[in-house]
Amino acid sequence: MASEDPSVSGVSGRYATALFELARDEKVIDVVKADLDKFSALLKDSPDLLRLVRSPVFGADVQAKALGAVLDKAGIAGISANFLKLLAANRRLFVVADVIRAFRSLVARFKGEATADVTVAENLSDKNLEALKTALKSVTGKDVTLNVNVDPAIIGGLVVKLGSRMVDSSIRTKLNSIKHAMKEAG
């Protein structure tokens, strides 16, 4: 299964595949995904937790102890907690973000969903988000989950990346195209 998707490979792909197969067999895919999403949010919000996860200075025992406290406080238990503790014990906690990304990819494929990374200049309204989801669903034939990033540098428009396809309709790109065309003409 992992060999079909280039985003699910290497050490992180093997761990994600093992976790996915265990979660599927135990029929707790949604619970594990929610726990991993919660842990991912904790990583984004806490520079200290990110340092603990990424730094080789901390030993496996220190990581496991600190991680156990974080998981208890966050309410992450069961397979998810055991898995994260296993990563710490095996000195692989530094790949946790890649493992979570690969796990999400496996879940999406299992459920017949797709994920699109969307970059916009300013936040989209719920109406526009739904219109974008509907348009992407008509193209892919799958339910599409959107990861929206706001980047004012694109000036306007949007950039959509869905799998290996990318559509860049940002004003910044259009202005750059005009600039290059004018250089060639002049």
C-alpha atoms as a PDB file:
ATOM      1  CA  MET A   1       0.000   0.000   0.000  1.00  0.00           C
ATOM      2  CA  ALA A   2       2.740   2.475   0.926  1.00  0.00           C
ATOM      3  CA  SER A   3       4.570   2.012  -2.375  1.00  0.00           C
ATOM      4  CA  GLU A   4       1.595   3.368  -4.350  1.00  0.00           C
ATOM      5  CA  ASP A   5       1.873   6.842  -2.838  1.00  0.00           C
ATOM      6  CA  PRO A   6       5.165   8.731  -3.011  1.00  0.00           C
ATOM      7  CA  SER A   7       4.199  10.772   0.061  1.00  0.00           C
ATOM      8  CA  VAL A   8       4.130   7.554   2.112  1.00  0.00           C
ATOM      9  CA  SER A   9       7.702   6.303   1.991  1.00  0.00           C
ATOM     10  CA  GLY A  10      10.844   5.970   4.042  1.00  0.00           C
ATOM     11  CA  VAL A  11      10.922   5.660   7.811  1.00  0.00           C
ATOM     12  CA  SER A  12       7.872   7.872   8.297  1.00  0.00           C
ATOM     13  CA  GLY A  13       5.921   5.894   5.686  1.00  0.00           C
ATOM     14  CA  ARG A  14       6.695   2.583   7.379  1.00  0.00           C
ATOM     15  CA  TYR A  15       5.596   3.880  10.781  1.00  0.00           C
ATOM     16  CA  ALA A  16       2.475   5.509   9.319  1.00  0.00           C
ATOM     17  CA  THR A  17       1.550   2.341   7.430  1.00  0.00           C
ATOM     18  CA  ALA A  18       1.980   0.214  10.556  1.00  0.00           C
ATOM     19  CA  LEU A  19      -0.161   2.624  12.591  1.00  0.00           C
ATOM     20  CA  PHE A  20      -2.796   2.802   9.864  1.00  0.00           C
ATOM     21  CA  GLU A  21      -3.059  -0.977   9.575  1.00  0.00           C
ATOM     22  CA  LEU A  22      -3.360  -1.329  13.349  1.00  0.00           C
ATOM     23  CA  ALA A  23      -5.997   1.416  13.537  1.00  0.00           C
ATOM     24  CA  ARG A  24      -7.908  -0.166  10.630  1.00  0.00           C
ATOM     25  CA  ASP A  25      -7.819  -3.611  12.236  1.00  0.00           C
ATOM     26  CA  GLU A  26      -8.992  -2.162  15.573  1.00  0.00           C
ATOM     27  CA  LYS A  27     -11.604   0.002  13.752  1.00  0.00           C
ATOM     28  CA  VAL A  28     -10.336   3.215  15.364  1.00  0.00           C
ATOM     29  CA  ILE A  29      -9.025   5.116  12.335  1.00  0.00           C
ATOM     30  CA  ASP A  30     -11.046   8.253  13.111  1.00  0.00           C
ATOM     31  CA  VAL A  31     -10.006   8.244  16.783  1.00  0.00           C
ATOM     32  CA  VAL A  32      -6.311   7.880  15.906  1.00  0.00           C
ATOM     33  CA  LYS A  33      -6.568  10.570  13.221  1.00  0.00           C
ATOM     34  CA  ALA A  34      -8.230  12.963  15.681  1.00  0.00           C
ATOM     35  CA  ASP A  35      -5.523  12.258  18.277  1.00  0.00           C
ATOM     36  CA  LEU A  36      -2.740  12.819  15.742  1.00  0.00           C
ATOM     37  CA  ASP A  37      -4.407  16.034  14.559  1.00  0.00           C
ATOM     38  CA  LYS A  38      -4.549  17.180  18.191  1.00  0.00           C
ATOM     39  CA  PHE A  39      -0.848  16.347  18.668  1.00  0.00           C
ATOM     40  CA  SER A  40       0.021  18.134  15.420  1.00  0.00           C
ATOM     41  CA  ALA A  41      -1.799  21.247  16.676  1.00  0.00           C
ATOM     42  CA  LEU A  42       0.145  21.020  19.941  1.00  0.00           C
ATOM     43  CA  LEU A  43       3.393  20.921  17.952  1.00  0.00           C
ATOM     44  CA  LYS A  44       2.399  24.055  16.033  1.00  0.00           C
ATOM     45  CA  ASP A  45       1.397  25.925  19.195  1.00  0.00           C
ATOM     46  CA  SER A  46       4.307  24.956  21.449  1.00  0.00           C
ATOM     47  CA  PRO A  47       7.895  25.778  20.520  1.00  0.00           C
ATOM     48  CA  ASP A  48       9.029  23.844  23.609  1.00  0.00           C
ATOM     49  CA  LEU A  49       7.251  20.675  22.488  1.00  0.00           C
ATOM     50  CA  LEU A  50       8.657  21.109  18.992  1.00  0.00           C
ATOM     51  CA  ARG A  51      12.150  21.451  20.459  1.00  0.00           C
ATOM     52  CA  LEU A  52      11.624  18.301  22.548  1.00  0.00           C
ATOM     53  CA  VAL A  53      10.515  16.383  19.460  1.00  0.00           C
ATOM     54  CA  ARG A  54      13.243  17.591  17.101  1.00  0.00           C
ATOM     55  CA  SER A  55      16.302  17.973  19.296  1.00  0.00           C
ATOM     56  CA  PRO A  56      18.774  15.088  19.456  1.00  0.00           C
ATOM     57  CA  VAL A  57      19.999  16.475  22.796  1.00  0.00           C
ATOM     58  CA  PHE A  58      17.106  14.863  24.661  1.00  0.00           C
ATOM     59  CA  GLY A  59      17.465  11.148  25.334  1.00  0.00           C
ATOM     60  CA  ALA A  60      14.707   8.626  24.690  1.00  0.00           C
ATOM     61  CA  ASP A  61      13.864   8.406  28.385  1.00  0.00           C
ATOM     62  CA  VAL A  62      13.539  12.186  28.768  1.00  0.00           C
ATOM     63  CA  GLN A  63      11.421  12.409  25.594  1.00  0.00           C
ATOM     64  CA  ALA A  64       9.192   9.539  26.716  1.00  0.00           C
ATOM     65  CA  LYS A  65       8.627  11.018  30.176  1.00  0.00           C
ATOM     66  CA  ALA A  66       7.870  14.526  28.864  1.00  0.00           C
ATOM     67  CA  LEU A  67       5.758  13.147  26.042  1.00  0.00           C
ATOM     68  CA  GLY A  68       3.747  11.042  28.498  1.00  0.00           C
ATOM     69  CA  ALA A  69       2.900  14.156  30.515  1.00  0.00           C
ATOM     70  CA  VAL A  70       1.903  16.084  27.375  1.00  0.00           C
ATOM     71  CA  LEU A  71      -0.286  13.224  26.105  1.00  0.00           C
ATOM     72  CA  ASP A  72      -2.019  12.842  29.479  1.00  0.00           C
ATOM     73  CA  LYS A  73      -2.744  16.560  29.663  1.00  0.00           C
ATOM     74  CA  ALA A  74      -4.015  16.600  26.034  1.00  0.00           C
ATOM     75  CA  GLY A  75      -6.231  13.566  26.581  1.00  0.00           C
ATOM     76  CA  ILE A  76      -4.467  11.478  23.958  1.00  0.00           C
ATOM     77  CA  ALA A  77      -4.578   7.820  24.959  1.00  0.00           C
ATOM     78  CA  GLY A  78      -4.828   4.303  23.562  1.00  0.00           C
ATOM     79  CA  ILE A  79      -3.192   3.360  20.297  1.00  0.00           C
ATOM     80  CA  SER A  80      -2.229   6.956  19.497  1.00  0.00           C
ATOM     81  CA  ALA A  81      -0.431   7.527  22.791  1.00  0.00           C
ATOM     82  CA  ASN A  82       1.279   4.141  22.647  1.00  0.00           C
ATOM     83  CA  PHE A  83       2.406   4.852  19.091  1.00  0.00           C
ATOM     84  CA  LEU A  84       3.862   8.269  19.954  1.00  0.00           C
ATOM     85  CA  LYS A  85       5.650   6.755  22.951  1.00  0.00           C
ATOM     86  CA  LEU A  86       7.032   4.032  20.667  1.00  0.00           C
ATOM     87  CA  LEU A  87       8.437   6.706  18.358  1.00  0.00           C
ATOM     88  CA  ALA A  88      10.151   8.273  21.366  1.00  0.00           C
ATOM     89  CA  ALA A  89      11.504   4.921  22.606  1.00  0.00           C
ATOM     90  CA  ASN A  90      12.884   4.126  19.126  1.00  0.00           C
ATOM     91  CA  ARG A  91      14.476   7.621  18.837  1.00  0.00           C
ATOM     92  CA  ARG A  92      12.236   8.429  15.874  1.00  0.00           C
ATOM     93  CA  LEU A  93      10.140  11.189  17.425  1.00  0.00           C
ATOM     94  CA  PHE A  94      11.816  13.718  15.105  1.00  0.00           C
ATOM     95  CA  VAL A  95       9.847  12.259  12.151  1.00  0.00           C
ATOM     96  CA  VAL A  96       6.465  12.574  13.875  1.00  0.00           C
ATOM     97  CA  ALA A  97       5.257  15.407  11.596  1.00  0.00           C
ATOM     98  CA  ASP A  98       6.059  13.327   8.492  1.00  0.00           C
ATOM     99  CA  VAL A  99       4.401  10.273  10.057  1.00  0.00           C
ATOM    100  CA  ILE A 100       1.237  12.274  10.757  1.00  0.00           C
ATOM    101  CA  ARG A 101       1.218  13.625   7.188  1.00  0.00           C
ATOM    102  CA  ALA A 102       1.670  10.104   5.762  1.00  0.00           C
ATOM    103  CA  PHE A 103      -1.032   8.716   8.079  1.00  0.00           C
ATOM    104  CA  ARG A 104      -3.463  11.404   6.889  1.00  0.00           C
ATOM    105  CA  SER A 105      -2.659  10.456   3.300  1.00  0.00           C
ATOM    106  CA  LEU A 106      -3.373   6.782   3.990  1.00  0.00           C
ATOM    107  CA  VAL A 107      -6.660   7.636   5.722  1.00  0.00           C
ATOM    108  CA  ALA A 108      -7.716   9.883   2.847  1.00  0.00           C
ATOM    109  CA  ARG A 109      -6.979   7.159   0.298  1.00  0.00           C
ATOM    110  CA  PHE A 110      -8.840   4.607   2.429  1.00  0.00           C
ATOM    111  CA  LYS A 111     -11.902   6.872   2.652  1.00  0.00           C
ATOM    112  CA  GLY A 112     -11.755   7.980  -0.989  1.00  0.00           C
ATOM    113  CA  GLU A 113     -10.896  11.549  -0.064  1.00  0.00           C
ATOM    114  CA  ALA A 114      -8.355  13.994  -1.405  1.00  0.00           C
ATOM    115  CA  THR A 115      -6.554  16.875   0.290  1.00  0.00           C
ATOM    116  CA  ALA A 116      -5.817  20.145  -1.432  1.00  0.00           C
ATOM    117  CA  ASP A 117      -3.357  22.770  -0.219  1.00  0.00           C
ATOM    118  CA  VAL A 118      -4.818  26.184  -0.978  1.00  0.00           C
ATOM    119  CA  THR A 119      -2.935  29.460  -0.622  1.00  0.00           C
ATOM    120  CA  VAL A 120      -4.981  32.660  -0.614  1.00  0.00           C
ATOM    121  CA  ALA A 121      -4.183  36.333  -0.011  1.00  0.00           C
ATOM    122  CA  GLU A 122      -6.845  36.664   2.700  1.00  0.00           C
ATOM    123  CA  ASN A 123      -9.245  34.350   4.510  1.00  0.00           C
ATOM    124  CA  LEU A 124     -12.042  32.937   2.381  1.00  0.00           C
ATOM    125  CA  SER A 125     -15.665  33.071   3.436  1.00  0.00           C
ATOM    126  CA  ASP A 126     -17.464  29.811   4.188  1.00  0.00           C
ATOM    127  CA  LYS A 127     -19.448  30.272   0.961  1.00  0.00           C
ATOM    128  CA  ASN A 128     -16.251  30.540  -1.096  1.00  0.00           C
ATOM    129  CA  LEU A 129     -14.663  27.560   0.697  1.00  0.00           C
ATOM    130  CA  GLU A 130     -17.697  25.413  -0.111  1.00  0.00           C
ATOM    131  CA  ALA A 131     -17.658  26.577  -3.743  1.00  0.00           C
ATOM    132  CA  LEU A 132     -13.977  25.642  -3.984  1.00  0.00           C
ATOM    133  CA  LYS A 133     -14.623  22.231  -2.402  1.00  0.00           C
ATOM    134  CA  THR A 134     -17.472  21.613  -4.841  1.00  0.00           C
ATOM    135  CA  ALA A 135     -15.330  22.610  -7.834  1.00  0.00           C
ATOM    136  CA  LEU A 136     -12.476  20.359  -6.718  1.00  0.00           C
ATOM    137  CA  LYS A 137     -14.872  17.486  -6.053  1.00  0.00           C
ATOM    138  CA  SER A 138     -16.209  17.785  -9.622  1.00  0.00           C
ATOM    139  CA  VAL A 139     -12.629  17.557 -10.927  1.00  0.00           C
ATOM    140  CA  THR A 140     -11.449  14.677  -8.715  1.00  0.00           C
ATOM    141  CA  GLY A 141     -14.656  12.786  -8.071  1.00  0.00           C
ATOM    142  CA  LYS A 142     -13.625  12.624  -4.391  1.00  0.00           C
ATOM    143  CA  ASP A 143     -14.503  14.563  -1.267  1.00  0.00           C
ATOM    144  CA  VAL A 144     -11.803  17.186  -0.856  1.00  0.00           C
ATOM    145  CA  THR A 145     -10.402  18.449   2.422  1.00  0.00           C
ATOM    146  CA  LEU A 146      -8.828  21.892   2.206  1.00  0.00           C
ATOM    147  CA  ASN A 147      -5.651  23.001   3.999  1.00  0.00           C
ATOM    148  CA  VAL A 148      -5.920  26.761   3.642  1.00  0.00           C
ATOM    149  CA  ASN A 149      -2.850  28.968   4.110  1.00  0.00           C
ATOM    150  CA  VAL A 150      -3.054  32.755   4.035  1.00  0.00           C
ATOM    151  CA  ASP A 151      -0.144  34.481   2.267  1.00  0.00           C
ATOM    152  CA  PRO A 152      -0.706  38.181   1.497  1.00  0.00           C
ATOM    153  CA  ALA A 153       2.376  38.103  -0.775  1.00  0.00           C
ATOM    154  CA  ILE A 154       0.335  36.477  -3.565  1.00  0.00           C
ATOM    155  CA  ILE A 155      -1.641  39.761  -3.679  1.00  0.00           C
ATOM    156  CA  GLY A 156      -4.873  38.094  -4.833  1.00  0.00           C
ATOM    157  CA  GLY A 157      -6.256  34.987  -6.490  1.00  0.00           C
ATOM    158  CA  LEU A 158      -5.266  31.568  -5.207  1.00  0.00           C
ATOM    159  CA  VAL A 159      -2.841  28.698  -5.590  1.00  0.00           C
ATOM    160  CA  VAL A 160      -4.272  25.178  -5.388  1.00  0.00           C
ATOM    161  CA  LYS A 161      -2.113  22.075  -5.070  1.00  0.00           C
ATOM    162  CA  LEU A 162      -3.957  18.778  -5.288  1.00  0.00           C
ATOM    163  CA  GLY A 163      -1.731  15.741  -5.437  1.00  0.00           C
ATOM    164  CA  SER A 164       0.783  16.277  -8.232  1.00  0.00           C
ATOM    165  CA  ARG A 165      -1.333  18.991  -9.880  1.00  0.00           C
ATOM    166  CA  MET A 166      -0.981  22.682  -9.154  1.00  0.00           C
ATOM    167  CA  VAL A 167      -3.007  25.621 -10.410  1.00  0.00           C
ATOM    168  CA  ASP A 168      -1.513  29.047  -9.746  1.00  0.00           C
ATOM    169  CA  SER A 169      -3.944  31.857 -10.484  1.00  0.00           C
ATOM    170  CA  SER A 170      -2.336  34.331  -8.103  1.00  0.00           C
ATOM    171  CA  ILE A 171      -1.960  37.928  -9.152  1.00  0.00           C
ATOM    172  CA  ARG A 172       1.740  37.803  -8.208  1.00  0.00           C
ATOM    173  CA  THR A 173       2.337  35.043 -10.786  1.00  0.00           C
ATOM    174  CA  LYS A 174       0.362  36.902 -13.430  1.00  0.00           C
ATOM    175  CA  LEU A 175       2.344  40.082 -12.788  1.00  0.00           C
ATOM    176  CA  ASN A 176       5.609  38.141 -13.040  1.00  0.00           C
ATOM    177  CA  SER A 177       4.466  36.665 -16.374  1.00  0.00           C
ATOM    178  CA  ILE A 178       3.689  40.137 -17.714  1.00  0.00           C
ATOM    179  CA  LYS A 179       7.055  41.414 -16.446  1.00  0.00           C
ATOM    180  CA  HIS A 180       8.926  38.606 -18.254  1.00  0.00           C
ATOM    181  CA  ALA A 181       6.905  39.150 -21.441  1.00  0.00           C
ATOM    182  CA  MET A 182       7.745  42.862 -21.381  1.00  0.00           C
ATOM    183  CA  LYS A 183      11.467  42.118 -20.885  1.00  0.00           C
ATOM    184  CA  GLU A 184      11.438  39.807 -23.899  1.00  0.00           C
ATOM    185  CA  ALA A 185       9.556  42.324 -26.046  1.00  0.00           C
ATOM    186  CA  GLY A 186      11.740  45.274 -25.073  1.00  0.00           C
END
